[in-house]
Amino acid sequence: MADTTPTPEATDRPNRRKVREGLVTSNAMDKTAVVSVLDRVRHRRYGKTVQRNTKLYVHDETNDLNVGDRVRIQETRPLSKSKRWRVVEVLERAK
């Protein structure tokens, strides 16, 4: 019979949603911003570090994000067809 008790890893963090940091690249939409997230991964065959860029649509309830802001975003329920992230905090304002 299998043991169904949760592992310590599963109970460490009560909120299992992904958190990312990125740069706001567009704020032209109402209550939505586009955040560019940079990931550094090792190439599977060659081992070289490769940068991968992902654009994520983020919910910005107060419309206070500007292009160039560094933000921390968190995964959330689907808010629209392509919007699945929300702003947690603004780390650095654009200069």
PDB file of N, CA and C in Angstrom:
ATOM      1  N   MET A   1       0.839  -1.183   0.000  1.00  0.00           N
ATOM      2  CA  MET A   1       0.000   0.000   0.000  1.00  0.00           C
ATOM      3  C   MET A   1       0.886   1.249   0.000  1.00  0.00           C
ATOM      4  N   ALA A   2       0.514   2.243  -0.806  1.00  0.00           N
ATOM      5  CA  ALA A   2       1.326   3.449  -0.960  1.00  0.00           C
ATOM      6  C   ALA A   2       1.071   4.417   0.186  1.00  0.00           C
ATOM      7  N   ASP A   3       2.144   5.099   0.585  1.00  0.00           N
ATOM      8  CA  ASP A   3       2.055   6.106   1.637  1.00  0.00           C
ATOM      9  C   ASP A   3       1.607   7.425   1.016  1.00  0.00           C
ATOM     10  N   THR A   4       0.520   8.016   1.508  1.00  0.00           N
ATOM     11  CA  THR A   4      -0.016   9.234   0.907  1.00  0.00           C
ATOM     12  C   THR A   4       0.264  10.481   1.728  1.00  0.00           C
ATOM     13  N   THR A   5       1.161  10.407   2.702  1.00  0.00           N
ATOM     14  CA  THR A   5       1.477  11.601   3.482  1.00  0.00           C
ATOM     15  C   THR A   5       2.263  12.578   2.613  1.00  0.00           C
ATOM     16  N   PRO A   6       1.998  13.887   2.737  1.00  0.00           N
ATOM     17  CA  PRO A   6       2.712  14.862   1.903  1.00  0.00           C
ATOM     18  C   PRO A   6       4.194  14.923   2.266  1.00  0.00           C
ATOM     19  N   THR A   7       5.000  15.117   1.249  1.00  0.00           N
ATOM     20  CA  THR A   7       6.442  15.229   1.472  1.00  0.00           C
ATOM     21  C   THR A   7       6.759  16.581   2.084  1.00  0.00           C
ATOM     22  N   PRO A   8       7.895  16.714   2.782  1.00  0.00           N
ATOM     23  CA  PRO A   8       8.251  18.013   3.364  1.00  0.00           C
ATOM     24  C   PRO A   8       8.400  19.104   2.306  1.00  0.00           C
ATOM     25  N   GLU A   9       8.828  18.731   1.095  1.00  0.00           N
ATOM     26  CA  GLU A   9       8.989  19.728   0.034  1.00  0.00           C
ATOM     27  C   GLU A   9       7.650  20.343  -0.342  1.00  0.00           C
ATOM     28  N   ALA A  10       6.588  19.526  -0.322  1.00  0.00           N
ATOM     29  CA  ALA A  10       5.273  20.016  -0.718  1.00  0.00           C
ATOM     30  C   ALA A  10       4.661  20.917   0.351  1.00  0.00           C
ATOM     31  N   THR A  11       5.079  20.781   1.602  1.00  0.00           N
ATOM     32  CA  THR A  11       4.482  21.579   2.675  1.00  0.00           C
ATOM     33  C   THR A  11       5.358  22.761   3.087  1.00  0.00           C
ATOM     34  N   ASP A  12       6.545  22.900   2.515  1.00  0.00           N
ATOM     35  CA  ASP A  12       7.424  24.016   2.864  1.00  0.00           C
ATOM     36  C   ASP A  12       6.782  25.355   2.559  1.00  0.00           C
ATOM     37  N   ARG A  13       6.294  25.497   1.349  1.00  0.00           N
ATOM     38  CA  ARG A  13       5.750  26.764   0.889  1.00  0.00           C
ATOM     39  C   ARG A  13       4.250  26.616   0.683  1.00  0.00           C
ATOM     40  N   PRO A  14       3.441  27.391   1.395  1.00  0.00           N
ATOM     41  CA  PRO A  14       1.996  27.229   1.242  1.00  0.00           C
ATOM     42  C   PRO A  14       1.495  27.657  -0.142  1.00  0.00           C
ATOM     43  N   ASN A  15       2.183  28.606  -0.773  1.00  0.00           N
ATOM     44  CA  ASN A  15       1.768  29.088  -2.077  1.00  0.00           C
ATOM     45  C   ASN A  15       2.688  28.503  -3.143  1.00  0.00           C
ATOM     46  N   ARG A  16       2.193  27.612  -3.967  1.00  0.00           N
ATOM     47  CA  ARG A  16       3.009  26.904  -4.949  1.00  0.00           C
ATOM     48  C   ARG A  16       3.061  27.619  -6.303  1.00  0.00           C
ATOM     49  N   ARG A  17       2.593  28.855  -6.382  1.00  0.00           N
ATOM     50  CA  ARG A  17       2.577  29.568  -7.661  1.00  0.00           C
ATOM     51  C   ARG A  17       3.956  30.081  -8.033  1.00  0.00           C
ATOM     52  N   LYS A  18       4.233  30.097  -9.333  1.00  0.00           N
ATOM     53  CA  LYS A  18       5.538  30.543  -9.822  1.00  0.00           C
ATOM     54  C   LYS A  18       5.690  32.048  -9.620  1.00  0.00           C
ATOM     55  N   VAL A  19       6.914  32.457  -9.331  1.00  0.00           N
ATOM     56  CA  VAL A  19       7.233  33.875  -9.169  1.00  0.00           C
ATOM     57  C   VAL A  19       8.397  34.184 -10.108  1.00  0.00           C
ATOM     58  N   ARG A  20       8.291  35.264 -10.868  1.00  0.00           N
ATOM     59  CA  ARG A  20       9.330  35.660 -11.809  1.00  0.00           C
ATOM     60  C   ARG A  20       9.639  37.144 -11.629  1.00  0.00           C
ATOM     61  N   GLU A  21      10.823  37.557 -12.093  1.00  0.00           N
ATOM     62  CA  GLU A  21      11.179  38.968 -12.135  1.00  0.00           C
ATOM     63  C   GLU A  21      11.440  39.338 -13.580  1.00  0.00           C
ATOM     64  N   GLY A  22      10.983  40.535 -13.959  1.00  0.00           N
ATOM     65  CA  GLY A  22      11.159  40.938 -15.344  1.00  0.00           C
ATOM     66  C   GLY A  22      11.078  42.438 -15.520  1.00  0.00           C
ATOM     67  N   LEU A  23      11.167  42.846 -16.776  1.00  0.00           N
ATOM     68  CA  LEU A  23      11.187  44.247 -17.163  1.00  0.00           C
ATOM     69  C   LEU A  23       9.927  44.562 -17.960  1.00  0.00           C
ATOM     70  N   VAL A  24       9.240  45.644 -17.608  1.00  0.00           N
ATOM     71  CA  VAL A  24       8.030  46.036 -18.332  1.00  0.00           C
ATOM     72  C   VAL A  24       8.436  46.580 -19.703  1.00  0.00           C
ATOM     73  N   THR A  25       7.872  45.981 -20.757  1.00  0.00           N
ATOM     74  CA  THR A  25       8.212  46.409 -22.115  1.00  0.00           C
ATOM     75  C   THR A  25       7.079  47.176 -22.785  1.00  0.00           C
ATOM     76  N   SER A  26       5.842  47.036 -22.265  1.00  0.00           N
ATOM     77  CA  SER A  26       4.717  47.765 -22.843  1.00  0.00           C
ATOM     78  C   SER A  26       3.641  47.952 -21.789  1.00  0.00           C
ATOM     79  N   ASN A  27       2.983  49.121 -21.809  1.00  0.00           N
ATOM     80  CA  ASN A  27       1.854  49.377 -20.914  1.00  0.00           C
ATOM     81  C   ASN A  27       0.725  50.072 -21.667  1.00  0.00           C
ATOM     82  N   ALA A  28       0.606  49.793 -22.953  1.00  0.00           N
ATOM     83  CA  ALA A  28      -0.368  50.470 -23.800  1.00  0.00           C
ATOM     84  C   ALA A  28      -1.799  50.010 -23.541  1.00  0.00           C
ATOM     85  N   MET A  29      -1.978  48.822 -22.986  1.00  0.00           N
ATOM     86  CA  MET A  29      -3.319  48.293 -22.752  1.00  0.00           C
ATOM     87  C   MET A  29      -3.858  48.763 -21.395  1.00  0.00           C
ATOM     88  N   ASP A  30      -5.180  48.665 -21.234  1.00  0.00           N
ATOM     89  CA  ASP A  30      -5.811  49.057 -19.979  1.00  0.00           C
ATOM     90  C   ASP A  30      -5.709  47.915 -18.978  1.00  0.00           C
ATOM     91  N   LYS A  31      -5.112  48.188 -17.800  1.00  0.00           N
ATOM     92  CA  LYS A  31      -4.932  47.223 -16.714  1.00  0.00           C
ATOM     93  C   LYS A  31      -4.101  46.003 -17.108  1.00  0.00           C
ATOM     94  N   THR A  32      -3.299  46.142 -18.148  1.00  0.00           N
ATOM     95  CA  THR A  32      -2.432  45.050 -18.597  1.00  0.00           C
ATOM     96  C   THR A  32      -1.087  45.615 -18.992  1.00  0.00           C
ATOM     97  N   ALA A  33      -0.036  44.894 -18.643  1.00  0.00           N
ATOM     98  CA  ALA A  33       1.317  45.263 -19.050  1.00  0.00           C
ATOM     99  C   ALA A  33       1.993  44.019 -19.614  1.00  0.00           C
ATOM    100  N   VAL A  34       2.970  44.247 -20.476  1.00  0.00           N
ATOM    101  CA  VAL A  34       3.762  43.146 -21.007  1.00  0.00           C
ATOM    102  C   VAL A  34       5.103  43.170 -20.298  1.00  0.00           C
ATOM    103  N   VAL A  35       5.461  42.039 -19.680  1.00  0.00           N
ATOM    104  CA  VAL A  35       6.713  41.931 -18.938  1.00  0.00           C
ATOM    105  C   VAL A  35       7.604  40.930 -19.653  1.00  0.00           C
ATOM    106  N   SER A  36       8.843  41.330 -19.896  1.00  0.00           N
ATOM    107  CA  SER A  36       9.821  40.469 -20.540  1.00  0.00           C
ATOM    108  C   SER A  36      10.671  39.811 -19.458  1.00  0.00           C
ATOM    109  N   VAL A  37      10.651  38.471 -19.415  1.00  0.00           N
ATOM    110  CA  VAL A  37      11.371  37.708 -18.401  1.00  0.00           C
ATOM    111  C   VAL A  37      12.548  37.020 -19.067  1.00  0.00           C
ATOM    112  N   LEU A  38      13.735  37.207 -18.491  1.00  0.00           N
ATOM    113  CA  LEU A  38      14.954  36.633 -19.039  1.00  0.00           C
ATOM    114  C   LEU A  38      15.331  35.392 -18.242  1.00  0.00           C
ATOM    115  N   ASP A  39      15.501  34.266 -18.934  1.00  0.00           N
ATOM    116  CA  ASP A  39      15.925  33.023 -18.298  1.00  0.00           C
ATOM    117  C   ASP A  39      17.281  32.624 -18.857  1.00  0.00           C
ATOM    118  N   ARG A  40      18.175  32.211 -17.978  1.00  0.00           N
ATOM    119  CA  ARG A  40      19.471  31.697 -18.403  1.00  0.00           C
ATOM    120  C   ARG A  40      19.475  30.194 -18.180  1.00  0.00           C
ATOM    121  N   VAL A  41      19.623  29.439 -19.268  1.00  0.00           N
ATOM    122  CA  VAL A  41      19.629  27.980 -19.175  1.00  0.00           C
ATOM    123  C   VAL A  41      20.870  27.430 -19.855  1.00  0.00           C
ATOM    124  N   ARG A  42      21.290  26.260 -19.431  1.00  0.00           N
ATOM    125  CA  ARG A  42      22.429  25.594 -20.055  1.00  0.00           C
ATOM    126  C   ARG A  42      21.932  24.829 -21.275  1.00  0.00           C
ATOM    127  N   HIS A  43      22.656  24.952 -22.382  1.00  0.00           N
ATOM    128  CA  HIS A  43      22.316  24.204 -23.583  1.00  0.00           C
ATOM    129  C   HIS A  43      22.509  22.720 -23.308  1.00  0.00           C
ATOM    130  N   ARG A  44      21.568  21.895 -23.741  1.00  0.00           N
ATOM    131  CA  ARG A  44      21.610  20.476 -23.392  1.00  0.00           C
ATOM    132  C   ARG A  44      22.815  19.759 -23.994  1.00  0.00           C
ATOM    133  N   ARG A  45      23.166  20.099 -25.214  1.00  0.00           N
ATOM    134  CA  ARG A  45      24.282  19.394 -25.845  1.00  0.00           C
ATOM    135  C   ARG A  45      25.619  20.076 -25.590  1.00  0.00           C
ATOM    136  N   TYR A  46      25.668  21.387 -25.765  1.00  0.00           N
ATOM    137  CA  TYR A  46      26.956  22.085 -25.750  1.00  0.00           C
ATOM    138  C   TYR A  46      27.332  22.668 -24.392  1.00  0.00           C
ATOM    139  N   GLY A  47      26.385  22.755 -23.480  1.00  0.00           N
ATOM    140  CA  GLY A  47      26.701  23.237 -22.149  1.00  0.00           C
ATOM    141  C   GLY A  47      26.854  24.738 -22.022  1.00  0.00           C
ATOM    142  N   LYS A  48      26.740  25.455 -23.118  1.00  0.00           N
ATOM    143  CA  LYS A  48      26.867  26.911 -23.071  1.00  0.00           C
ATOM    144  C   LYS A  48      25.608  27.531 -22.461  1.00  0.00           C
ATOM    145  N   THR A  49      25.776  28.601 -21.707  1.00  0.00           N
ATOM    146  CA  THR A  49      24.634  29.298 -21.125  1.00  0.00           C
ATOM    147  C   THR A  49      23.951  30.126 -22.209  1.00  0.00           C
ATOM    148  N   VAL A  50      22.649  29.918 -22.358  1.00  0.00           N
ATOM    149  CA  VAL A  50      21.860  30.588 -23.384  1.00  0.00           C
ATOM    150  C   VAL A  50      20.790  31.426 -22.693  1.00  0.00           C
ATOM    151  N   GLN A  51      20.565  32.643 -23.194  1.00  0.00           N
ATOM    152  CA  GLN A  51      19.518  33.498 -22.645  1.00  0.00           C
ATOM    153  C   GLN A  51      18.239  33.306 -23.448  1.00  0.00           C
ATOM    154  N   ARG A  52      17.142  33.076 -22.732  1.00  0.00           N
ATOM    155  CA  ARG A  52      15.843  32.942 -23.383  1.00  0.00           C
ATOM    156  C   ARG A  52      14.928  34.018 -22.838  1.00  0.00           C
ATOM    157  N   ASN A  53      14.232  34.691 -23.746  1.00  0.00           N
ATOM    158  CA  ASN A  53      13.362  35.799 -23.394  1.00  0.00           C
ATOM    159  C   ASN A  53      11.909  35.380 -23.565  1.00  0.00           C
ATOM    160  N   THR A  54      11.066  35.643 -22.572  1.00  0.00           N
ATOM    161  CA  THR A  54       9.650  35.301 -22.638  1.00  0.00           C
ATOM    162  C   THR A  54       8.819  36.539 -22.325  1.00  0.00           C
ATOM    163  N   LYS A  55       7.813  36.800 -23.153  1.00  0.00           N
ATOM    164  CA  LYS A  55       6.905  37.909 -22.903  1.00  0.00           C
ATOM    165  C   LYS A  55       5.659  37.380 -22.204  1.00  0.00           C
ATOM    166  N   LEU A  56       5.338  37.950 -21.049  1.00  0.00           N
ATOM    167  CA  LEU A  56       4.180  37.532 -20.280  1.00  0.00           C
ATOM    168  C   LEU A  56       3.220  38.706 -20.120  1.00  0.00           C
ATOM    169  N   TYR A  57       1.932  38.426 -20.238  1.00  0.00           N
ATOM    170  CA  TYR A  57       0.913  39.452 -20.027  1.00  0.00           C
ATOM    171  C   TYR A  57       0.549  39.462 -18.545  1.00  0.00           C
ATOM    172  N   VAL A  58       0.605  40.660 -17.949  1.00  0.00           N
ATOM    173  CA  VAL A  58       0.477  40.804 -16.502  1.00  0.00           C
ATOM    174  C   VAL A  58      -0.692  41.736 -16.179  1.00  0.00           C
ATOM    175  N   HIS A  59      -1.461  41.359 -15.152  1.00  0.00           N
ATOM    176  CA  HIS A  59      -2.571  42.195 -14.696  1.00  0.00           C
ATOM    177  C   HIS A  59      -2.035  43.312 -13.808  1.00  0.00           C
ATOM    178  N   ASP A  60      -2.341  44.553 -14.192  1.00  0.00           N
ATOM    179  CA  ASP A  60      -1.906  45.747 -13.455  1.00  0.00           C
ATOM    180  C   ASP A  60      -3.164  46.542 -13.102  1.00  0.00           C
ATOM    181  N   GLU A  61      -3.738  46.250 -11.958  1.00  0.00           N
ATOM    182  CA  GLU A  61      -5.042  46.804 -11.583  1.00  0.00           C
ATOM    183  C   GLU A  61      -5.052  48.325 -11.547  1.00  0.00           C
ATOM    184  N   THR A  62      -3.966  48.938 -11.078  1.00  0.00           N
ATOM    185  CA  THR A  62      -3.959  50.394 -10.891  1.00  0.00           C
ATOM    186  C   THR A  62      -3.339  51.160 -12.050  1.00  0.00           C
ATOM    187  N   ASN A  63      -2.883  50.479 -13.079  1.00  0.00           N
ATOM    188  CA  ASN A  63      -2.251  51.117 -14.245  1.00  0.00           C
ATOM    189  C   ASN A  63      -1.070  51.998 -13.841  1.00  0.00           C
ATOM    190  N   ASP A  64      -0.280  51.576 -12.865  1.00  0.00           N
ATOM    191  CA  ASP A  64       0.833  52.413 -12.410  1.00  0.00           C
ATOM    192  C   ASP A  64       2.189  51.947 -12.931  1.00  0.00           C
ATOM    193  N   LEU A  65       2.241  50.897 -13.751  1.00  0.00           N
ATOM    194  CA  LEU A  65       3.515  50.440 -14.307  1.00  0.00           C
ATOM    195  C   LEU A  65       3.896  51.274 -15.511  1.00  0.00           C
ATOM    196  N   ASN A  66       5.190  51.544 -15.629  1.00  0.00           N
ATOM    197  CA  ASN A  66       5.721  52.267 -16.775  1.00  0.00           C
ATOM    198  C   ASN A  66       6.760  51.403 -17.469  1.00  0.00           C
ATOM    199  N   VAL A  67       7.019  51.694 -18.726  1.00  0.00           N
ATOM    200  CA  VAL A  67       8.017  50.947 -19.486  1.00  0.00           C
ATOM    201  C   VAL A  67       9.376  51.139 -18.830  1.00  0.00           C
ATOM    202  N   GLY A  68      10.064  50.041 -18.580  1.00  0.00           N
ATOM    203  CA  GLY A  68      11.375  50.094 -17.959  1.00  0.00           C
ATOM    204  C   GLY A  68      11.384  49.725 -16.489  1.00  0.00           C
ATOM    205  N   ASP A  69      10.209  49.576 -15.868  1.00  0.00           N
ATOM    206  CA  ASP A  69      10.145  49.184 -14.459  1.00  0.00           C
ATOM    207  C   ASP A  69      10.555  47.717 -14.298  1.00  0.00           C
ATOM    208  N   ARG A  70      11.288  47.427 -13.212  1.00  0.00           N
ATOM    209  CA  ARG A  70      11.567  46.031 -12.843  1.00  0.00           C
ATOM    210  C   ARG A  70      10.486  45.602 -11.870  1.00  0.00           C
ATOM    211  N   VAL A  71       9.827  44.467 -12.166  1.00  0.00           N
ATOM    212  CA  VAL A  71       8.712  44.022 -11.342  1.00  0.00           C
ATOM    213  C   VAL A  71       8.861  42.547 -10.979  1.00  0.00           C
ATOM    214  N   ARG A  72       8.224  42.182  -9.871  1.00  0.00           N
ATOM    215  CA  ARG A  72       8.097  40.775  -9.490  1.00  0.00           C
ATOM    216  C   ARG A  72       6.650  40.389  -9.767  1.00  0.00           C
ATOM    217  N   ILE A  73       6.455  39.293 -10.516  1.00  0.00           N
ATOM    218  CA  ILE A  73       5.117  38.868 -10.898  1.00  0.00           C
ATOM    219  C   ILE A  73       4.874  37.447 -10.390  1.00  0.00           C
ATOM    220  N   GLN A  74       3.594  37.105 -10.241  1.00  0.00           N
ATOM    221  CA  GLN A  74       3.225  35.794  -9.726  1.00  0.00           C
ATOM    222  C   GLN A  74       2.130  35.194 -10.593  1.00  0.00           C
ATOM    223  N   GLU A  75       2.212  33.892 -10.773  1.00  0.00           N
ATOM    224  CA  GLU A  75       1.217  33.160 -11.531  1.00  0.00           C
ATOM    225  C   GLU A  75      -0.130  33.242 -10.822  1.00  0.00           C
ATOM    226  N   THR A  76      -1.212  33.296 -11.604  1.00  0.00           N
ATOM    227  CA  THR A  76      -2.544  33.369 -11.026  1.00  0.00           C
ATOM    228  C   THR A  76      -3.538  32.649 -11.939  1.00  0.00           C
ATOM    229  N   ARG A  77      -4.793  32.655 -11.565  1.00  0.00           N
ATOM    230  CA  ARG A  77      -5.808  32.025 -12.405  1.00  0.00           C
ATOM    231  C   ARG A  77      -5.918  32.780 -13.725  1.00  0.00           C
ATOM    232  N   PRO A  78      -6.454  32.160 -14.766  1.00  0.00           N
ATOM    233  CA  PRO A  78      -6.606  32.878 -16.034  1.00  0.00           C
ATOM    234  C   PRO A  78      -7.531  34.088 -15.885  1.00  0.00           C
ATOM    235  N   LEU A  79      -7.006  35.254 -16.263  1.00  0.00           N
ATOM    236  CA  LEU A  79      -7.785  36.485 -16.184  1.00  0.00           C
ATOM    237  C   LEU A  79      -8.355  36.886 -17.532  1.00  0.00           C
ATOM    238  N   SER A  80      -7.760  36.393 -18.608  1.00  0.00           N
ATOM    239  CA  SER A  80      -8.256  36.614 -19.960  1.00  0.00           C
ATOM    240  C   SER A  80      -7.659  35.519 -20.840  1.00  0.00           C
ATOM    241  N   LYS A  81      -7.780  35.678 -22.145  1.00  0.00           N
ATOM    242  CA  LYS A  81      -7.271  34.655 -23.062  1.00  0.00           C
ATOM    243  C   LYS A  81      -5.775  34.425 -22.887  1.00  0.00           C
ATOM    244  N   SER A  82      -5.013  35.481 -22.661  1.00  0.00           N
ATOM    245  CA  SER A  82      -3.558  35.332 -22.585  1.00  0.00           C
ATOM    246  C   SER A  82      -2.951  35.832 -21.276  1.00  0.00           C
ATOM    247  N   LYS A  83      -3.764  36.324 -20.359  1.00  0.00           N
ATOM    248  CA  LYS A  83      -3.240  36.929 -19.132  1.00  0.00           C
ATOM    249  C   LYS A  83      -3.366  35.965 -17.958  1.00  0.00           C
ATOM    250  N   ARG A  84      -2.185  35.496 -17.441  1.00  0.00           N
ATOM    251  CA  ARG A  84      -2.172  34.543 -16.347  1.00  0.00           C
ATOM    252  C   ARG A  84      -1.221  34.943 -15.226  1.00  0.00           C
ATOM    253  N   TRP A  85      -0.807  36.196 -15.179  1.00  0.00           N
ATOM    254  CA  TRP A  85       0.152  36.661 -14.183  1.00  0.00           C
ATOM    255  C   TRP A  85      -0.362  37.952 -13.574  1.00  0.00           C
ATOM    256  N   ARG A  86       0.084  38.246 -12.332  1.00  0.00           N
ATOM    257  CA  ARG A  86      -0.281  39.508 -11.694  1.00  0.00           C
ATOM    258  C   ARG A  86       0.953  40.106 -11.028  1.00  0.00           C
ATOM    259  N   VAL A  87       0.928  41.410 -10.831  1.00  0.00           N
ATOM    260  CA  VAL A  87       2.061  42.116 -10.240  1.00  0.00           C
ATOM    261  C   VAL A  87       2.038  41.901  -8.737  1.00  0.00           C
ATOM    262  N   VAL A  88       3.200  41.496  -8.194  1.00  0.00           N
ATOM    263  CA  VAL A  88       3.351  41.354  -6.738  1.00  0.00           C
ATOM    264  C   VAL A  88       3.929  42.638  -6.174  1.00  0.00           C
ATOM    265  N   GLU A  89       5.031  43.121  -6.771  1.00  0.00           N
ATOM    266  CA  GLU A  89       5.641  44.354  -6.309  1.00  0.00           C
ATOM    267  C   GLU A  89       6.506  44.955  -7.413  1.00  0.00           C
ATOM    268  N   VAL A  90       6.706  46.253  -7.314  1.00  0.00           N
ATOM    269  CA  VAL A  90       7.607  46.963  -8.213  1.00  0.00           C
ATOM    270  C   VAL A  90       8.949  47.028  -7.523  1.00  0.00           C
ATOM    271  N   LEU A  91       9.979  46.409  -8.115  1.00  0.00           N
ATOM    272  CA  LEU A  91      11.295  46.352  -7.509  1.00  0.00           C
ATOM    273  C   LEU A  91      12.082  47.629  -7.738  1.00  0.00           C
ATOM    274  N   GLU A  92      11.959  48.179  -8.969  1.00  0.00           N
ATOM    275  CA  GLU A  92      12.726  49.378  -9.332  1.00  0.00           C
ATOM    276  C   GLU A  92      11.954  50.160 -10.376  1.00  0.00           C
ATOM    277  N   ARG A  93      11.816  51.445 -10.158  1.00  0.00           N
ATOM    278  CA  ARG A  93      11.120  52.302 -11.118  1.00  0.00           C
ATOM    279  C   ARG A  93      12.070  52.697 -12.255  1.00  0.00           C
ATOM    280  N   ALA A  94      11.498  52.947 -13.425  1.00  0.00           N
ATOM    281  CA  ALA A  94      12.298  53.383 -14.570  1.00  0.00           C
ATOM    282  C   ALA A  94      12.828  54.772 -14.314  1.00  0.00           C
ATOM    283  N   LYS A  95      14.015  55.040 -14.808  1.00  0.00           N
ATOM    284  CA  LYS A  95      14.626  56.349 -14.625  1.00  0.00           C
ATOM    285  C   LYS A  95      14.274  57.285 -15.746  1.00  0.00           C
TER     286      LYS A  95
END
